[in-house]
Amino acid sequence: MEPITVDFNGYVLTTDRSQMIIADIYKWLSVEAYWCKGIPFETVVNAVSNSHCIGVLHQGR
């Protein structure tokens, strides 16, 4: 399936994994998200690689 990307009011909604910064996703999950603080980086990489991801980006992040 081809990635879908939509621009809306300064935000980008996308299914394109190449636009998603795994290090930023990992940082947020491991530090900010109460349900998975301390999650290993490899777990995040594996989850993103094997999931249908939808990202919301602002200013490219």
PDB file of N, CA and C in Angstrom:
ATOM      1  N   MET A   1       0.844  -1.173   0.000  1.00  0.00           N
ATOM      2  CA  MET A   1       0.000   0.000   0.000  1.00  0.00           C
ATOM      3  C   MET A   1       0.894   1.243   0.000  1.00  0.00           C
ATOM      4  N   GLU A   2       0.541   2.184  -0.819  1.00  0.00           N
ATOM      5  CA  GLU A   2       1.287   3.437  -0.898  1.00  0.00           C
ATOM      6  C   GLU A   2       1.002   4.301   0.331  1.00  0.00           C
ATOM      7  N   PRO A   3       2.025   5.004   0.836  1.00  0.00           N
ATOM      8  CA  PRO A   3       1.804   5.897   1.981  1.00  0.00           C
ATOM      9  C   PRO A   3       0.843   7.033   1.618  1.00  0.00           C
ATOM     10  N   ILE A   4       0.102   7.469   2.607  1.00  0.00           N
ATOM     11  CA  ILE A   4      -0.821   8.596   2.451  1.00  0.00           C
ATOM     12  C   ILE A   4      -0.304   9.739   3.322  1.00  0.00           C
ATOM     13  N   THR A   5      -0.268  10.941   2.754  1.00  0.00           N
ATOM     14  CA  THR A   5       0.182  12.118   3.500  1.00  0.00           C
ATOM     15  C   THR A   5      -0.802  13.256   3.243  1.00  0.00           C
ATOM     16  N   VAL A   6      -1.237  13.895   4.335  1.00  0.00           N
ATOM     17  CA  VAL A   6      -2.194  15.004   4.243  1.00  0.00           C
ATOM     18  C   VAL A   6      -1.649  16.167   5.063  1.00  0.00           C
ATOM     19  N   ASP A   7      -1.607  17.361   4.469  1.00  0.00           N
ATOM     20  CA  ASP A   7      -1.231  18.582   5.181  1.00  0.00           C
ATOM     21  C   ASP A   7      -2.499  19.279   5.658  1.00  0.00           C
ATOM     22  N   PHE A   8      -2.493  19.724   6.931  1.00  0.00           N
ATOM     23  CA  PHE A   8      -3.668  20.405   7.472  1.00  0.00           C
ATOM     24  C   PHE A   8      -3.251  21.366   8.572  1.00  0.00           C
ATOM     25  N   ASN A   9      -3.462  22.646   8.354  1.00  0.00           N
ATOM     26  CA  ASN A   9      -3.205  23.688   9.367  1.00  0.00           C
ATOM     27  C   ASN A   9      -1.815  23.597   9.998  1.00  0.00           C
ATOM     28  N   GLY A  10      -0.803  23.367   9.206  1.00  0.00           N
ATOM     29  CA  GLY A  10       0.560  23.316   9.728  1.00  0.00           C
ATOM     30  C   GLY A  10       0.978  21.958  10.261  1.00  0.00           C
ATOM     31  N   TYR A  11       0.085  20.986  10.196  1.00  0.00           N
ATOM     32  CA  TYR A  11       0.386  19.623  10.634  1.00  0.00           C
ATOM     33  C   TYR A  11       0.375  18.694   9.432  1.00  0.00           C
ATOM     34  N   VAL A  12       1.128  17.619   9.532  1.00  0.00           N
ATOM     35  CA  VAL A  12       1.149  16.604   8.492  1.00  0.00           C
ATOM     36  C   VAL A  12       0.708  15.294   9.120  1.00  0.00           C
ATOM     37  N   LEU A  13      -0.316  14.687   8.567  1.00  0.00           N
ATOM     38  CA  LEU A  13      -0.744  13.347   8.956  1.00  0.00           C
ATOM     39  C   LEU A  13      -0.219  12.411   7.889  1.00  0.00           C
ATOM     40  N   THR A  14       0.473  11.359   8.292  1.00  0.00           N
ATOM     41  CA  THR A  14       1.095  10.502   7.300  1.00  0.00           C
ATOM     42  C   THR A  14       1.176   9.054   7.755  1.00  0.00           C
ATOM     43  N   THR A  15       1.163   8.173   6.768  1.00  0.00           N
ATOM     44  CA  THR A  15       1.438   6.757   7.011  1.00  0.00           C
ATOM     45  C   THR A  15       2.832   6.400   6.490  1.00  0.00           C
ATOM     46  N   ASP A  16       3.568   7.400   6.063  1.00  0.00           N
ATOM     47  CA  ASP A  16       4.914   7.215   5.507  1.00  0.00           C
ATOM     48  C   ASP A  16       5.940   7.101   6.635  1.00  0.00           C
ATOM     49  N   ARG A  17       6.399   5.893   6.906  1.00  0.00           N
ATOM     50  CA  ARG A  17       7.354   5.674   8.000  1.00  0.00           C
ATOM     51  C   ARG A  17       8.663   6.428   7.803  1.00  0.00           C
ATOM     52  N   SER A  18       9.020   6.720   6.549  1.00  0.00           N
ATOM     53  CA  SER A  18      10.285   7.424   6.306  1.00  0.00           C
ATOM     54  C   SER A  18      10.247   8.847   6.858  1.00  0.00           C
ATOM     55  N   GLN A  19       9.063   9.389   7.119  1.00  0.00           N
ATOM     56  CA  GLN A  19       8.934  10.724   7.698  1.00  0.00           C
ATOM     57  C   GLN A  19       8.922  10.689   9.227  1.00  0.00           C
ATOM     58  N   MET A  20       8.808   9.500   9.795  1.00  0.00           N
ATOM     59  CA  MET A  20       8.738   9.354  11.248  1.00  0.00           C
ATOM     60  C   MET A  20      10.136   9.144  11.817  1.00  0.00           C
ATOM     61  N   ILE A  21      10.492   9.935  12.789  1.00  0.00           N
ATOM     62  CA  ILE A  21      11.825   9.874  13.391  1.00  0.00           C
ATOM     63  C   ILE A  21      11.757   8.937  14.595  1.00  0.00           C
ATOM     64  N   ILE A  22      12.266   7.727  14.404  1.00  0.00           N
ATOM     65  CA  ILE A  22      12.151   6.686  15.429  1.00  0.00           C
ATOM     66  C   ILE A  22      12.779   7.140  16.748  1.00  0.00           C
ATOM     67  N   ALA A  23      13.879   7.843  16.700  1.00  0.00           N
ATOM     68  CA  ALA A  23      14.528   8.312  17.934  1.00  0.00           C
ATOM     69  C   ALA A  23      13.605   9.247  18.715  1.00  0.00           C
ATOM     70  N   ASP A  24      12.855  10.102  18.017  1.00  0.00           N
ATOM     71  CA  ASP A  24      11.907  11.004  18.682  1.00  0.00           C
ATOM     72  C   ASP A  24      10.726  10.231  19.265  1.00  0.00           C
ATOM     73  N   ILE A  25      10.241   9.260  18.520  1.00  0.00           N
ATOM     74  CA  ILE A  25       9.144   8.422  19.006  1.00  0.00           C
ATOM     75  C   ILE A  25       9.595   7.678  20.261  1.00  0.00           C
ATOM     76  N   TYR A  26      10.778   7.089  20.195  1.00  0.00           N
ATOM     77  CA  TYR A  26      11.327   6.363  21.340  1.00  0.00           C
ATOM     78  C   TYR A  26      11.479   7.283  22.562  1.00  0.00           C
ATOM     79  N   LYS A  27      12.020   8.460  22.340  1.00  0.00           N
ATOM     80  CA  LYS A  27      12.230   9.386  23.452  1.00  0.00           C
ATOM     81  C   LYS A  27      10.911   9.726  24.134  1.00  0.00           C
ATOM     82  N   TRP A  28       9.882  10.024  23.339  1.00  0.00           N
ATOM     83  CA  TRP A  28       8.591  10.367  23.925  1.00  0.00           C
ATOM     84  C   TRP A  28       8.012   9.181  24.689  1.00  0.00           C
ATOM     85  N   LEU A  29       8.031   8.008  24.059  1.00  0.00           N
ATOM     86  CA  LEU A  29       7.465   6.831  24.718  1.00  0.00           C
ATOM     87  C   LEU A  29       8.213   6.471  25.998  1.00  0.00           C
ATOM     88  N   SER A  30       9.529   6.483  25.951  1.00  0.00           N
ATOM     89  CA  SER A  30      10.316   6.002  27.091  1.00  0.00           C
ATOM     90  C   SER A  30      10.396   7.007  28.241  1.00  0.00           C
ATOM     91  N   VAL A  31      10.114   8.288  27.959  1.00  0.00           N
ATOM     92  CA  VAL A  31      10.237   9.316  29.000  1.00  0.00           C
ATOM     93  C   VAL A  31       8.881   9.905  29.402  1.00  0.00           C
ATOM     94  N   GLU A  32       8.013  10.168  28.427  1.00  0.00           N
ATOM     95  CA  GLU A  32       6.775  10.901  28.692  1.00  0.00           C
ATOM     96  C   GLU A  32       5.539  10.021  28.877  1.00  0.00           C
ATOM     97  N   ALA A  33       5.427   8.952  28.120  1.00  0.00           N
ATOM     98  CA  ALA A  33       4.215   8.128  28.150  1.00  0.00           C
ATOM     99  C   ALA A  33       4.211   7.256  29.399  1.00  0.00           C
ATOM    100  N   TYR A  34       3.268   7.497  30.295  1.00  0.00           N
ATOM    101  CA  TYR A  34       3.263   6.795  31.586  1.00  0.00           C
ATOM    102  C   TYR A  34       3.109   5.284  31.431  1.00  0.00           C
ATOM    103  N   TRP A  35       2.480   4.837  30.351  1.00  0.00           N
ATOM    104  CA  TRP A  35       2.196   3.413  30.198  1.00  0.00           C
ATOM    105  C   TRP A  35       3.388   2.599  29.701  1.00  0.00           C
ATOM    106  N   CYS A  36       4.464   3.262  29.271  1.00  0.00           N
ATOM    107  CA  CYS A  36       5.610   2.481  28.780  1.00  0.00           C
ATOM    108  C   CYS A  36       6.949   3.154  29.069  1.00  0.00           C
ATOM    109  N   LYS A  37       7.024   3.906  30.157  1.00  0.00           N
ATOM    110  CA  LYS A  37       8.303   4.528  30.522  1.00  0.00           C
ATOM    111  C   LYS A  37       9.373   3.453  30.618  1.00  0.00           C
ATOM    112  N   GLY A  38      10.521   3.756  30.055  1.00  0.00           N
ATOM    113  CA  GLY A  38      11.639   2.832  30.101  1.00  0.00           C
ATOM    114  C   GLY A  38      11.594   1.735  29.047  1.00  0.00           C
ATOM    115  N   ILE A  39      10.674   1.833  28.090  1.00  0.00           N
ATOM    116  CA  ILE A  39      10.575   0.823  27.040  1.00  0.00           C
ATOM    117  C   ILE A  39      11.901   0.750  26.281  1.00  0.00           C
ATOM    118  N   PRO A  40      12.382  -0.441  25.966  1.00  0.00           N
ATOM    119  CA  PRO A  40      13.638  -0.560  25.213  1.00  0.00           C
ATOM    120  C   PRO A  40      13.499  -0.030  23.777  1.00  0.00           C
ATOM    121  N   PHE A  41      14.578   0.542  23.287  1.00  0.00           N
ATOM    122  CA  PHE A  41      14.598   1.097  21.926  1.00  0.00           C
ATOM    123  C   PHE A  41      14.234   0.027  20.904  1.00  0.00           C
ATOM    124  N   GLU A  42      14.794  -1.153  21.027  1.00  0.00           N
ATOM    125  CA  GLU A  42      14.538  -2.230  20.062  1.00  0.00           C
ATOM    126  C   GLU A  42      13.055  -2.623  20.034  1.00  0.00           C
ATOM    127  N   THR A  43      12.368  -2.519  21.152  1.00  0.00           N
ATOM    128  CA  THR A  43      10.935  -2.813  21.187  1.00  0.00           C
ATOM    129  C   THR A  43      10.170  -1.801  20.344  1.00  0.00           C
ATOM    130  N   VAL A  44      10.558  -0.539  20.431  1.00  0.00           N
ATOM    131  CA  VAL A  44       9.912   0.511  19.633  1.00  0.00           C
ATOM    132  C   VAL A  44      10.199   0.285  18.153  1.00  0.00           C
ATOM    133  N   VAL A  45      11.430  -0.003  17.818  1.00  0.00           N
ATOM    134  CA  VAL A  45      11.799  -0.261  16.413  1.00  0.00           C
ATOM    135  C   VAL A  45      10.989  -1.433  15.875  1.00  0.00           C
ATOM    136  N   ASN A  46      10.904  -2.503  16.641  1.00  0.00           N
ATOM    137  CA  ASN A  46      10.163  -3.686  16.221  1.00  0.00           C
ATOM    138  C   ASN A  46       8.674  -3.371  16.062  1.00  0.00           C
ATOM    139  N   ALA A  47       8.111  -2.614  16.980  1.00  0.00           N
ATOM    140  CA  ALA A  47       6.694  -2.256  16.912  1.00  0.00           C
ATOM    141  C   ALA A  47       6.398  -1.407  15.677  1.00  0.00           C
ATOM    142  N   VAL A  48       7.228  -0.420  15.413  1.00  0.00           N
ATOM    143  CA  VAL A  48       7.021   0.457  14.254  1.00  0.00           C
ATOM    144  C   VAL A  48       7.185  -0.334  12.961  1.00  0.00           C
ATOM    145  N   SER A  49       8.156  -1.231  12.931  1.00  0.00           N
ATOM    146  CA  SER A  49       8.415  -2.023  11.729  1.00  0.00           C
ATOM    147  C   SER A  49       7.279  -2.983  11.398  1.00  0.00           C
ATOM    148  N   ASN A  50       6.535  -3.400  12.405  1.00  0.00           N
ATOM    149  CA  ASN A  50       5.502  -4.421  12.213  1.00  0.00           C
ATOM    150  C   ASN A  50       4.086  -3.901  12.442  1.00  0.00           C
ATOM    151  N   SER A  51       3.905  -2.591  12.325  1.00  0.00           N
ATOM    152  CA  SER A  51       2.590  -1.994  12.563  1.00  0.00           C
ATOM    153  C   SER A  51       2.201  -1.076  11.410  1.00  0.00           C
ATOM    154  N   HIS A  52       0.922  -0.821  11.302  1.00  0.00           N
ATOM    155  CA  HIS A  52       0.433   0.209  10.384  1.00  0.00           C
ATOM    156  C   HIS A  52       0.454   1.509  11.176  1.00  0.00           C
ATOM    157  N   CYS A  53       1.422   2.355  10.899  1.00  0.00           N
ATOM    158  CA  CYS A  53       1.648   3.566  11.703  1.00  0.00           C
ATOM    159  C   CYS A  53       1.014   4.786  11.040  1.00  0.00           C
ATOM    160  N   ILE A  54       0.490   5.645  11.889  1.00  0.00           N
ATOM    161  CA  ILE A  54      -0.022   6.939  11.449  1.00  0.00           C
ATOM    162  C   ILE A  54       0.667   7.989  12.317  1.00  0.00           C
ATOM    163  N   GLY A  55       1.386   8.886  11.688  1.00  0.00           N
ATOM    164  CA  GLY A  55       2.113   9.916  12.416  1.00  0.00           C
ATOM    165  C   GLY A  55       1.493  11.288  12.225  1.00  0.00           C
ATOM    166  N   VAL A  56       1.564  12.097  13.254  1.00  0.00           N
ATOM    167  CA  VAL A  56       1.161  13.502  13.166  1.00  0.00           C
ATOM    168  C   VAL A  56       2.417  14.310  13.420  1.00  0.00           C
ATOM    169  N   LEU A  57       2.847  15.049  12.407  1.00  0.00           N
ATOM    170  CA  LEU A  57       4.094  15.808  12.473  1.00  0.00           C
ATOM    171  C   LEU A  57       3.795  17.302  12.478  1.00  0.00           C
ATOM    172  N   HIS A  58       4.610  18.036  13.206  1.00  0.00           N
ATOM    173  CA  HIS A  58       4.530  19.485  13.214  1.00  0.00           C
ATOM    174  C   HIS A  58       5.949  20.003  13.048  1.00  0.00           C
ATOM    175  N   GLN A  59       6.156  20.821  12.049  1.00  0.00           N
ATOM    176  CA  GLN A  59       7.487  21.343  11.728  1.00  0.00           C
ATOM    177  C   GLN A  59       8.474  20.197  11.493  1.00  0.00           C
ATOM    178  N   GLY A  60       8.009  19.162  10.812  1.00  0.00           N
ATOM    179  CA  GLY A  60       8.869  18.051  10.420  1.00  0.00           C
ATOM    180  C   GLY A  60       9.176  17.054  11.516  1.00  0.00           C
ATOM    181  N   ARG A  61       8.595  17.198  12.705  1.00  0.00           N
ATOM    182  CA  ARG A  61       8.891  16.287  13.817  1.00  0.00           C
ATOM    183  C   ARG A  61       7.609  15.764  14.415  1.00  0.00           C
TER     184      ARG A  61
END
